Amino acid sequence: MKKYLTAILYYASYLLLFLLFLETFYIFQPFTITNHDKSSIVCEKNNLSYEFGLNLIFAIDNKLDPQADKNIRKLCEYSIINDFQDTYKTPSRVNYFVDMINETDGSWGDTLLVSLAILSLSIIFVEICKNRFAKEQKTTISIKFIIFGAGVIIFLLLLKNPSQKLFCNRVMASNLANFKKSAYGYGLQRLQLEEPHIQSFIQEVYLKCLKN
C-alpha cells in the first residue's frame, strides 16, 4: 500500500510541477505596450506635435482612449488641452495623425528561461526527496511523458482561463504604469481626475484580451 501511495505522490508531484511550468510560461509571456514618452500626435491643421504623456493622452492595444480622442480633436482645432466644461464643440472628423511607438515588455527567451529554472529546481527537489525517502520507487520515462500530456490537457481545460486573466491583468497594469510615469508631471490629483474614464477604457480592452 505504501509503495502505491509513494508512486502516486511522486507522479502527482511531476504533474503539479509541469502545470506550474505551463502557467508560469503563459502568464509571463511577453506583450506589447505603448510608450507614452515617445508616442505623439501631430495636428493636421498646424503640424504641431504633442507627446502622449505630457498631454495626458492614454493609449493601449494601439487604440486611443475615447476621451483622449475627443480632447485631441479640440486641442488641434482650438489649441486647448482640456475642456473640462465641455464648452467647445468637438470636431466631427479626426484632425490629427498618430505616431504611436510600441515596445515589447519581456521576451520569450526570458520567459522560457525563468519557467525552465522553476521546473528544473522543483524536479531536483522532488528527486532528492524520492532518493531520501523512497529509494525503492522505480520510475519510467513513458509514464512521465503520459503525465506531461495529461498536464497539457488539464491546463487547456481548467487552467488556461485563469492564466489568461492573470496575463491580461499584467498587460493592463503595465500599460497604465507606463502612462502614469509619463504623465506624472501633472501631479497625483490631475491623474486621479483622468482615472475614471481611463479605467472604463481599460476594462473594455481587458475583456477583449480575455477572448484572445
C-alpha atoms as a PDB file:
ATOM      1  CA  MET A   1       0.000   0.000   0.000  1.00  0.00           C
ATOM      2  CA  LYS A   2       2.814   2.346   0.938  1.00  0.00           C
ATOM      3  CA  LYS A   3       4.502   1.619  -2.384  1.00  0.00           C
ATOM      4  CA  TYR A   4       1.417   2.682  -4.359  1.00  0.00           C
ATOM      5  CA  LEU A   5       0.919   5.835  -2.276  1.00  0.00           C
ATOM      6  CA  THR A   6       4.551   6.773  -2.824  1.00  0.00           C
ATOM      7  CA  ALA A   7       4.165   6.288  -6.566  1.00  0.00           C
ATOM      8  CA  ILE A   8       1.009   8.391  -6.637  1.00  0.00           C
ATOM      9  CA  LEU A   9       2.660  11.205  -4.673  1.00  0.00           C
ATOM     10  CA  TYR A  10       5.748  11.054  -6.873  1.00  0.00           C
ATOM     11  CA  TYR A  11       3.935  11.258 -10.189  1.00  0.00           C
ATOM     12  CA  ALA A  12       1.390  13.748  -8.831  1.00  0.00           C
ATOM     13  CA  SER A  13       4.325  15.982  -7.926  1.00  0.00           C
ATOM     14  CA  TYR A  14       5.558  15.812 -11.517  1.00  0.00           C
ATOM     15  CA  LEU A  15       2.082  16.665 -12.789  1.00  0.00           C
ATOM     16  CA  LEU A  16       1.778  19.689 -10.484  1.00  0.00           C
ATOM     17  CA  LEU A  17       5.261  20.892 -11.384  1.00  0.00           C
ATOM     18  CA  PHE A  18       4.542  20.648 -15.092  1.00  0.00           C
ATOM     19  CA  LEU A  19       1.292  22.570 -14.609  1.00  0.00           C
ATOM     20  CA  LEU A  20       3.266  25.222 -12.699  1.00  0.00           C
ATOM     21  CA  PHE A  21       5.689  25.422 -15.628  1.00  0.00           C
ATOM     22  CA  LEU A  22       2.863  25.876 -18.145  1.00  0.00           C
ATOM     23  CA  GLU A  23       1.159  28.547 -16.014  1.00  0.00           C
ATOM     24  CA  THR A  24       4.392  30.470 -15.463  1.00  0.00           C
ATOM     25  CA  PHE A  25       5.233  30.334 -19.149  1.00  0.00           C
ATOM     26  CA  TYR A  26       1.752  31.510 -20.128  1.00  0.00           C
ATOM     27  CA  ILE A  27       1.338  34.278 -17.551  1.00  0.00           C
ATOM     28  CA  PHE A  28       4.771  35.797 -18.117  1.00  0.00           C
ATOM     29  CA  GLN A  29       4.789  35.703 -21.908  1.00  0.00           C
ATOM     30  CA  PRO A  30       5.943  38.994 -23.493  1.00  0.00           C
ATOM     31  CA  PHE A  31       3.431  41.568 -24.674  1.00  0.00           C
ATOM     32  CA  THR A  32       3.322  44.945 -26.378  1.00  0.00           C
ATOM     33  CA  ILE A  33       2.809  48.227 -24.525  1.00  0.00           C
ATOM     34  CA  THR A  34       2.521  51.813 -25.741  1.00  0.00           C
ATOM     35  CA  ASN A  35       5.482  54.002 -24.865  1.00  0.00           C
ATOM     36  CA  HIS A  36       3.732  57.183 -23.728  1.00  0.00           C
ATOM     37  CA  ASP A  37       7.028  59.091 -23.512  1.00  0.00           C
ATOM     38  CA  LYS A  38       7.908  58.558 -27.175  1.00  0.00           C
ATOM     39  CA  SER A  39       4.445  58.433 -28.767  1.00  0.00           C
ATOM     40  CA  SER A  40       2.845  61.622 -30.053  1.00  0.00           C
ATOM     41  CA  ILE A  41       0.085  63.078 -32.179  1.00  0.00           C
ATOM     42  CA  VAL A  42       0.509  65.619 -34.972  1.00  0.00           C
ATOM     43  CA  CYS A  43      -2.263  68.103 -35.676  1.00  0.00           C
ATOM     44  CA  GLU A  44      -3.395  68.236 -39.281  1.00  0.00           C
ATOM     45  CA  LYS A  45      -4.179  71.954 -39.075  1.00  0.00           C
ATOM     46  CA  ASN A  46      -0.794  73.324 -37.999  1.00  0.00           C
ATOM     47  CA  ASN A  47       1.555  70.317 -37.888  1.00  0.00           C
ATOM     48  CA  LEU A  48       2.155  70.850 -34.175  1.00  0.00           C
ATOM     49  CA  SER A  49       3.222  67.747 -32.285  1.00  0.00           C
ATOM     50  CA  TYR A  50       2.063  66.772 -28.792  1.00  0.00           C
ATOM     51  CA  GLU A  51       3.514  63.952 -26.728  1.00  0.00           C
ATOM     52  CA  PHE A  52       1.146  61.424 -25.179  1.00  0.00           C
ATOM     53  CA  GLY A  53       2.287  61.585 -21.579  1.00  0.00           C
ATOM     54  CA  LEU A  54       2.764  65.323 -21.298  1.00  0.00           C
ATOM     55  CA  ASN A  55      -0.756  65.873 -22.626  1.00  0.00           C
ATOM     56  CA  LEU A  56      -2.472  63.063 -20.708  1.00  0.00           C
ATOM     57  CA  ILE A  57      -3.136  61.003 -23.829  1.00  0.00           C
ATOM     58  CA  PHE A  58      -3.663  57.368 -22.892  1.00  0.00           C
ATOM     59  CA  ALA A  59      -3.413  54.514 -25.392  1.00  0.00           C
ATOM     60  CA  ILE A  60      -3.456  50.744 -25.184  1.00  0.00           C
ATOM     61  CA  ASP A  61      -3.670  47.946 -27.740  1.00  0.00           C
ATOM     62  CA  ASN A  62      -2.898  50.507 -30.481  1.00  0.00           C
ATOM     63  CA  LYS A  63      -6.038  52.439 -29.593  1.00  0.00           C
ATOM     64  CA  LEU A  64      -6.540  55.848 -28.064  1.00  0.00           C
ATOM     65  CA  ASP A  65      -8.782  56.312 -25.076  1.00  0.00           C
ATOM     66  CA  PRO A  66     -12.094  57.739 -26.468  1.00  0.00           C
ATOM     67  CA  GLN A  67     -11.876  60.687 -24.088  1.00  0.00           C
ATOM     68  CA  ALA A  68      -8.317  61.339 -25.241  1.00  0.00           C
ATOM     69  CA  ASP A  69      -9.510  61.280 -28.856  1.00  0.00           C
ATOM     70  CA  LYS A  70     -12.111  63.931 -28.013  1.00  0.00           C
ATOM     71  CA  ASN A  71      -9.513  66.058 -26.193  1.00  0.00           C
ATOM     72  CA  ILE A  72      -7.033  65.777 -29.065  1.00  0.00           C
ATOM     73  CA  ARG A  73      -9.593  66.917 -31.629  1.00  0.00           C
ATOM     74  CA  LYS A  74     -10.264  70.021 -29.538  1.00  0.00           C
ATOM     75  CA  LEU A  75      -6.567  70.516 -28.916  1.00  0.00           C
ATOM     76  CA  CYS A  76      -5.789  70.519 -32.629  1.00  0.00           C
ATOM     77  CA  GLU A  77      -8.770  72.705 -33.504  1.00  0.00           C
ATOM     78  CA  TYR A  78      -8.783  75.244 -30.653  1.00  0.00           C
ATOM     79  CA  SER A  79      -5.322  74.805 -29.048  1.00  0.00           C
ATOM     80  CA  ILE A  80      -6.947  73.939 -25.732  1.00  0.00           C
ATOM     81  CA  ILE A  81      -5.567  70.964 -23.803  1.00  0.00           C
ATOM     82  CA  ASN A  82      -8.568  70.025 -21.661  1.00  0.00           C
ATOM     83  CA  ASP A  83     -12.049  71.421 -21.996  1.00  0.00           C
ATOM     84  CA  PHE A  84     -13.380  70.423 -18.579  1.00  0.00           C
ATOM     85  CA  GLN A  85     -16.632  72.351 -19.005  1.00  0.00           C
ATOM     86  CA  ASP A  86     -17.123  70.921 -22.496  1.00  0.00           C
ATOM     87  CA  THR A  87     -17.738  74.413 -23.874  1.00  0.00           C
ATOM     88  CA  TYR A  88     -16.046  73.778 -27.215  1.00  0.00           C
ATOM     89  CA  LYS A  89     -17.673  71.701 -29.902  1.00  0.00           C
ATOM     90  CA  THR A  90     -15.803  68.509 -30.729  1.00  0.00           C
ATOM     91  CA  PRO A  91     -14.762  68.391 -34.413  1.00  0.00           C
ATOM     92  CA  SER A  92     -16.702  65.687 -36.220  1.00  0.00           C
ATOM     93  CA  ARG A  93     -13.709  64.181 -38.021  1.00  0.00           C
ATOM     94  CA  VAL A  94     -10.266  63.082 -36.934  1.00  0.00           C
ATOM     95  CA  ASN A  95      -7.977  66.078 -37.408  1.00  0.00           C
ATOM     96  CA  TYR A  96      -4.679  64.594 -36.322  1.00  0.00           C
ATOM     97  CA  PHE A  97      -2.167  61.860 -37.101  1.00  0.00           C
ATOM     98  CA  VAL A  98      -0.901  59.373 -34.541  1.00  0.00           C
ATOM     99  CA  ASP A  99       2.751  58.406 -34.199  1.00  0.00           C
ATOM    100  CA  MET A 100       2.358  55.526 -31.762  1.00  0.00           C
ATOM    101  CA  ILE A 101       5.557  53.916 -30.530  1.00  0.00           C
ATOM    102  CA  ASN A 102       5.142  50.414 -29.135  1.00  0.00           C
ATOM    103  CA  GLU A 103       7.687  48.307 -27.308  1.00  0.00           C
ATOM    104  CA  THR A 104       7.813  44.759 -26.020  1.00  0.00           C
ATOM    105  CA  ASP A 105       7.665  44.108 -22.306  1.00  0.00           C
ATOM    106  CA  GLY A 106       9.703  40.970 -21.620  1.00  0.00           C
ATOM    107  CA  SER A 107      10.976  38.365 -24.078  1.00  0.00           C
ATOM    108  CA  TRP A 108      10.229  34.758 -24.965  1.00  0.00           C
ATOM    109  CA  GLY A 109      13.806  33.833 -24.046  1.00  0.00           C
ATOM    110  CA  ASP A 110      13.500  35.261 -20.531  1.00  0.00           C
ATOM    111  CA  THR A 111      10.074  33.678 -20.057  1.00  0.00           C
ATOM    112  CA  LEU A 112      11.341  30.256 -21.127  1.00  0.00           C
ATOM    113  CA  LEU A 113      14.483  30.583 -19.003  1.00  0.00           C
ATOM    114  CA  VAL A 114      12.562  31.507 -15.827  1.00  0.00           C
ATOM    115  CA  SER A 115       9.930  28.808 -16.403  1.00  0.00           C
ATOM    116  CA  LEU A 116      12.545  26.109 -17.026  1.00  0.00           C
ATOM    117  CA  ALA A 117      14.541  27.250 -13.998  1.00  0.00           C
ATOM    118  CA  ILE A 118      11.478  26.897 -11.751  1.00  0.00           C
ATOM    119  CA  LEU A 119      10.662  23.494 -13.284  1.00  0.00           C
ATOM    120  CA  SER A 120      14.244  22.226 -13.017  1.00  0.00           C
ATOM    121  CA  LEU A 121      14.749  23.306  -9.402  1.00  0.00           C
ATOM    122  CA  SER A 122      11.402  21.801  -8.427  1.00  0.00           C
ATOM    123  CA  ILE A 123      12.202  18.485 -10.140  1.00  0.00           C
ATOM    124  CA  ILE A 124      15.590  18.363  -8.415  1.00  0.00           C
ATOM    125  CA  PHE A 125      13.835  18.864  -5.073  1.00  0.00           C
ATOM    126  CA  VAL A 126      11.338  16.073  -5.831  1.00  0.00           C
ATOM    127  CA  GLU A 127      14.120  13.685  -6.884  1.00  0.00           C
ATOM    128  CA  ILE A 128      16.121  14.465  -3.737  1.00  0.00           C
ATOM    129  CA  CYS A 129      13.058  13.679  -1.626  1.00  0.00           C
ATOM    130  CA  LYS A 130      12.487  10.463  -3.574  1.00  0.00           C
ATOM    131  CA  ASN A 131      16.088   9.301  -3.148  1.00  0.00           C
ATOM    132  CA  ARG A 132      15.926  10.035   0.564  1.00  0.00           C
ATOM    133  CA  PHE A 133      12.530   8.647   1.462  1.00  0.00           C
ATOM    134  CA  ALA A 134      11.619   6.227  -1.352  1.00  0.00           C
ATOM    135  CA  LYS A 135      14.732   4.822  -2.964  1.00  0.00           C
ATOM    136  CA  GLU A 136      12.881   1.671  -3.964  1.00  0.00           C
ATOM    137  CA  GLN A 137      10.429   3.650  -6.102  1.00  0.00           C
ATOM    138  CA  LYS A 138      11.023   2.854  -9.772  1.00  0.00           C
ATOM    139  CA  THR A 139      10.378   5.468 -12.419  1.00  0.00           C
ATOM    140  CA  THR A 140       9.790   5.181 -16.158  1.00  0.00           C
ATOM    141  CA  ILE A 141      10.172   7.801 -18.850  1.00  0.00           C
ATOM    142  CA  SER A 142       6.996   6.654 -20.606  1.00  0.00           C
ATOM    143  CA  ILE A 143       4.836   7.372 -17.546  1.00  0.00           C
ATOM    144  CA  LYS A 144       6.372  10.828 -17.249  1.00  0.00           C
ATOM    145  CA  PHE A 145       5.544  11.571 -20.884  1.00  0.00           C
ATOM    146  CA  ILE A 146       1.964  10.452 -20.244  1.00  0.00           C
ATOM    147  CA  ILE A 147       1.862  12.787 -17.237  1.00  0.00           C
ATOM    148  CA  PHE A 148       3.162  15.699 -19.310  1.00  0.00           C
ATOM    149  CA  GLY A 149       0.499  15.014 -21.930  1.00  0.00           C
ATOM    150  CA  ALA A 150      -2.160  14.901 -19.241  1.00  0.00           C
ATOM    151  CA  GLY A 151      -0.765  18.162 -17.873  1.00  0.00           C
ATOM    152  CA  VAL A 152      -1.268  19.897 -21.200  1.00  0.00           C
ATOM    153  CA  ILE A 153      -4.874  18.685 -21.373  1.00  0.00           C
ATOM    154  CA  ILE A 154      -5.600  19.760 -17.792  1.00  0.00           C
ATOM    155  CA  PHE A 155      -4.052  23.156 -18.427  1.00  0.00           C
ATOM    156  CA  LEU A 156      -6.125  23.765 -21.554  1.00  0.00           C
ATOM    157  CA  LEU A 157      -9.360  22.605 -19.920  1.00  0.00           C
ATOM    158  CA  LEU A 158      -9.039  24.048 -16.407  1.00  0.00           C
ATOM    159  CA  LEU A 159      -6.154  26.477 -16.060  1.00  0.00           C
ATOM    160  CA  LYS A 160      -5.899  28.386 -19.324  1.00  0.00           C
ATOM    161  CA  ASN A 161      -8.711  30.835 -18.492  1.00  0.00           C
ATOM    162  CA  PRO A 162      -7.366  31.733 -15.014  1.00  0.00           C
ATOM    163  CA  SER A 163      -3.894  32.117 -16.548  1.00  0.00           C
ATOM    164  CA  GLN A 164      -5.309  34.340 -19.280  1.00  0.00           C
ATOM    165  CA  LYS A 165      -6.892  36.583 -16.633  1.00  0.00           C
ATOM    166  CA  LEU A 166      -3.582  36.957 -14.809  1.00  0.00           C
ATOM    167  CA  PHE A 167      -1.784  37.653 -18.087  1.00  0.00           C
ATOM    168  CA  CYS A 168      -4.319  40.295 -19.109  1.00  0.00           C
ATOM    169  CA  ASN A 169      -4.044  41.918 -15.683  1.00  0.00           C
ATOM    170  CA  ARG A 170      -0.287  42.191 -16.271  1.00  0.00           C
ATOM    171  CA  VAL A 171      -0.842  43.825 -19.653  1.00  0.00           C
ATOM    172  CA  MET A 172      -3.326  46.375 -18.301  1.00  0.00           C
ATOM    173  CA  ALA A 173      -1.219  47.209 -15.235  1.00  0.00           C
ATOM    174  CA  SER A 174       1.965  47.639 -17.262  1.00  0.00           C
ATOM    175  CA  ASN A 175       0.315  49.973 -19.784  1.00  0.00           C
ATOM    176  CA  LEU A 176      -1.272  52.048 -17.034  1.00  0.00           C
ATOM    177  CA  ALA A 177       2.009  52.263 -15.117  1.00  0.00           C
ATOM    178  CA  ASN A 178       3.787  53.451 -18.272  1.00  0.00           C
ATOM    179  CA  PHE A 179       1.171  56.168 -18.765  1.00  0.00           C
ATOM    180  CA  LYS A 180       1.269  57.334 -15.142  1.00  0.00           C
ATOM    181  CA  LYS A 181       5.054  57.505 -15.154  1.00  0.00           C
ATOM    182  CA  SER A 182       4.984  59.544 -18.359  1.00  0.00           C
ATOM    183  CA  ALA A 183       2.219  61.885 -17.151  1.00  0.00           C
ATOM    184  CA  TYR A 184       3.381  62.233 -13.550  1.00  0.00           C
ATOM    185  CA  GLY A 185       4.394  65.870 -14.099  1.00  0.00           C
ATOM    186  CA  TYR A 186       0.702  66.763 -13.894  1.00  0.00           C
ATOM    187  CA  GLY A 187       0.594  65.637 -10.281  1.00  0.00           C
ATOM    188  CA  LEU A 188      -1.373  62.935  -8.500  1.00  0.00           C
ATOM    189  CA  GLN A 189      -4.621  64.914  -8.256  1.00  0.00           C
ATOM    190  CA  ARG A 190      -4.741  65.532 -12.009  1.00  0.00           C
ATOM    191  CA  LEU A 191      -4.108  61.874 -12.732  1.00  0.00           C
ATOM    192  CA  GLN A 192      -6.895  60.892 -10.366  1.00  0.00           C
ATOM    193  CA  LEU A 193      -9.287  63.039 -12.387  1.00  0.00           C
ATOM    194  CA  GLU A 194      -8.326  61.104 -15.510  1.00  0.00           C
ATOM    195  CA  GLU A 195      -8.619  57.706 -13.805  1.00  0.00           C
ATOM    196  CA  PRO A 196     -12.386  57.015 -14.204  1.00  0.00           C
ATOM    197  CA  HIS A 197     -12.613  57.222 -17.999  1.00  0.00           C
ATOM    198  CA  ILE A 198      -9.222  55.523 -18.376  1.00  0.00           C
ATOM    199  CA  GLN A 199     -10.392  52.600 -16.226  1.00  0.00           C
ATOM    200  CA  SER A 200     -13.535  52.321 -18.327  1.00  0.00           C
ATOM    201  CA  PHE A 201     -11.401  52.074 -21.461  1.00  0.00           C
ATOM    202  CA  ILE A 202      -9.036  49.583 -19.808  1.00  0.00           C
ATOM    203  CA  GLN A 203     -11.987  47.374 -18.863  1.00  0.00           C
ATOM    204  CA  GLU A 204     -13.067  47.299 -22.499  1.00  0.00           C
ATOM    205  CA  VAL A 205      -9.594  46.289 -23.668  1.00  0.00           C
ATOM    206  CA  TYR A 206      -9.293  43.787 -20.795  1.00  0.00           C
ATOM    207  CA  LEU A 207     -12.452  41.969 -21.903  1.00  0.00           C
ATOM    208  CA  LYS A 208     -11.064  41.801 -25.430  1.00  0.00           C
ATOM    209  CA  CYS A 209      -7.792  40.400 -24.075  1.00  0.00           C
ATOM    210  CA  LEU A 210      -9.663  37.610 -22.276  1.00  0.00           C
ATOM    211  CA  LYS A 211     -11.128  36.421 -25.577  1.00  0.00           C
ATOM    212  CA  ASN A 212      -7.724  36.008 -27.243  1.00  0.00           C
END
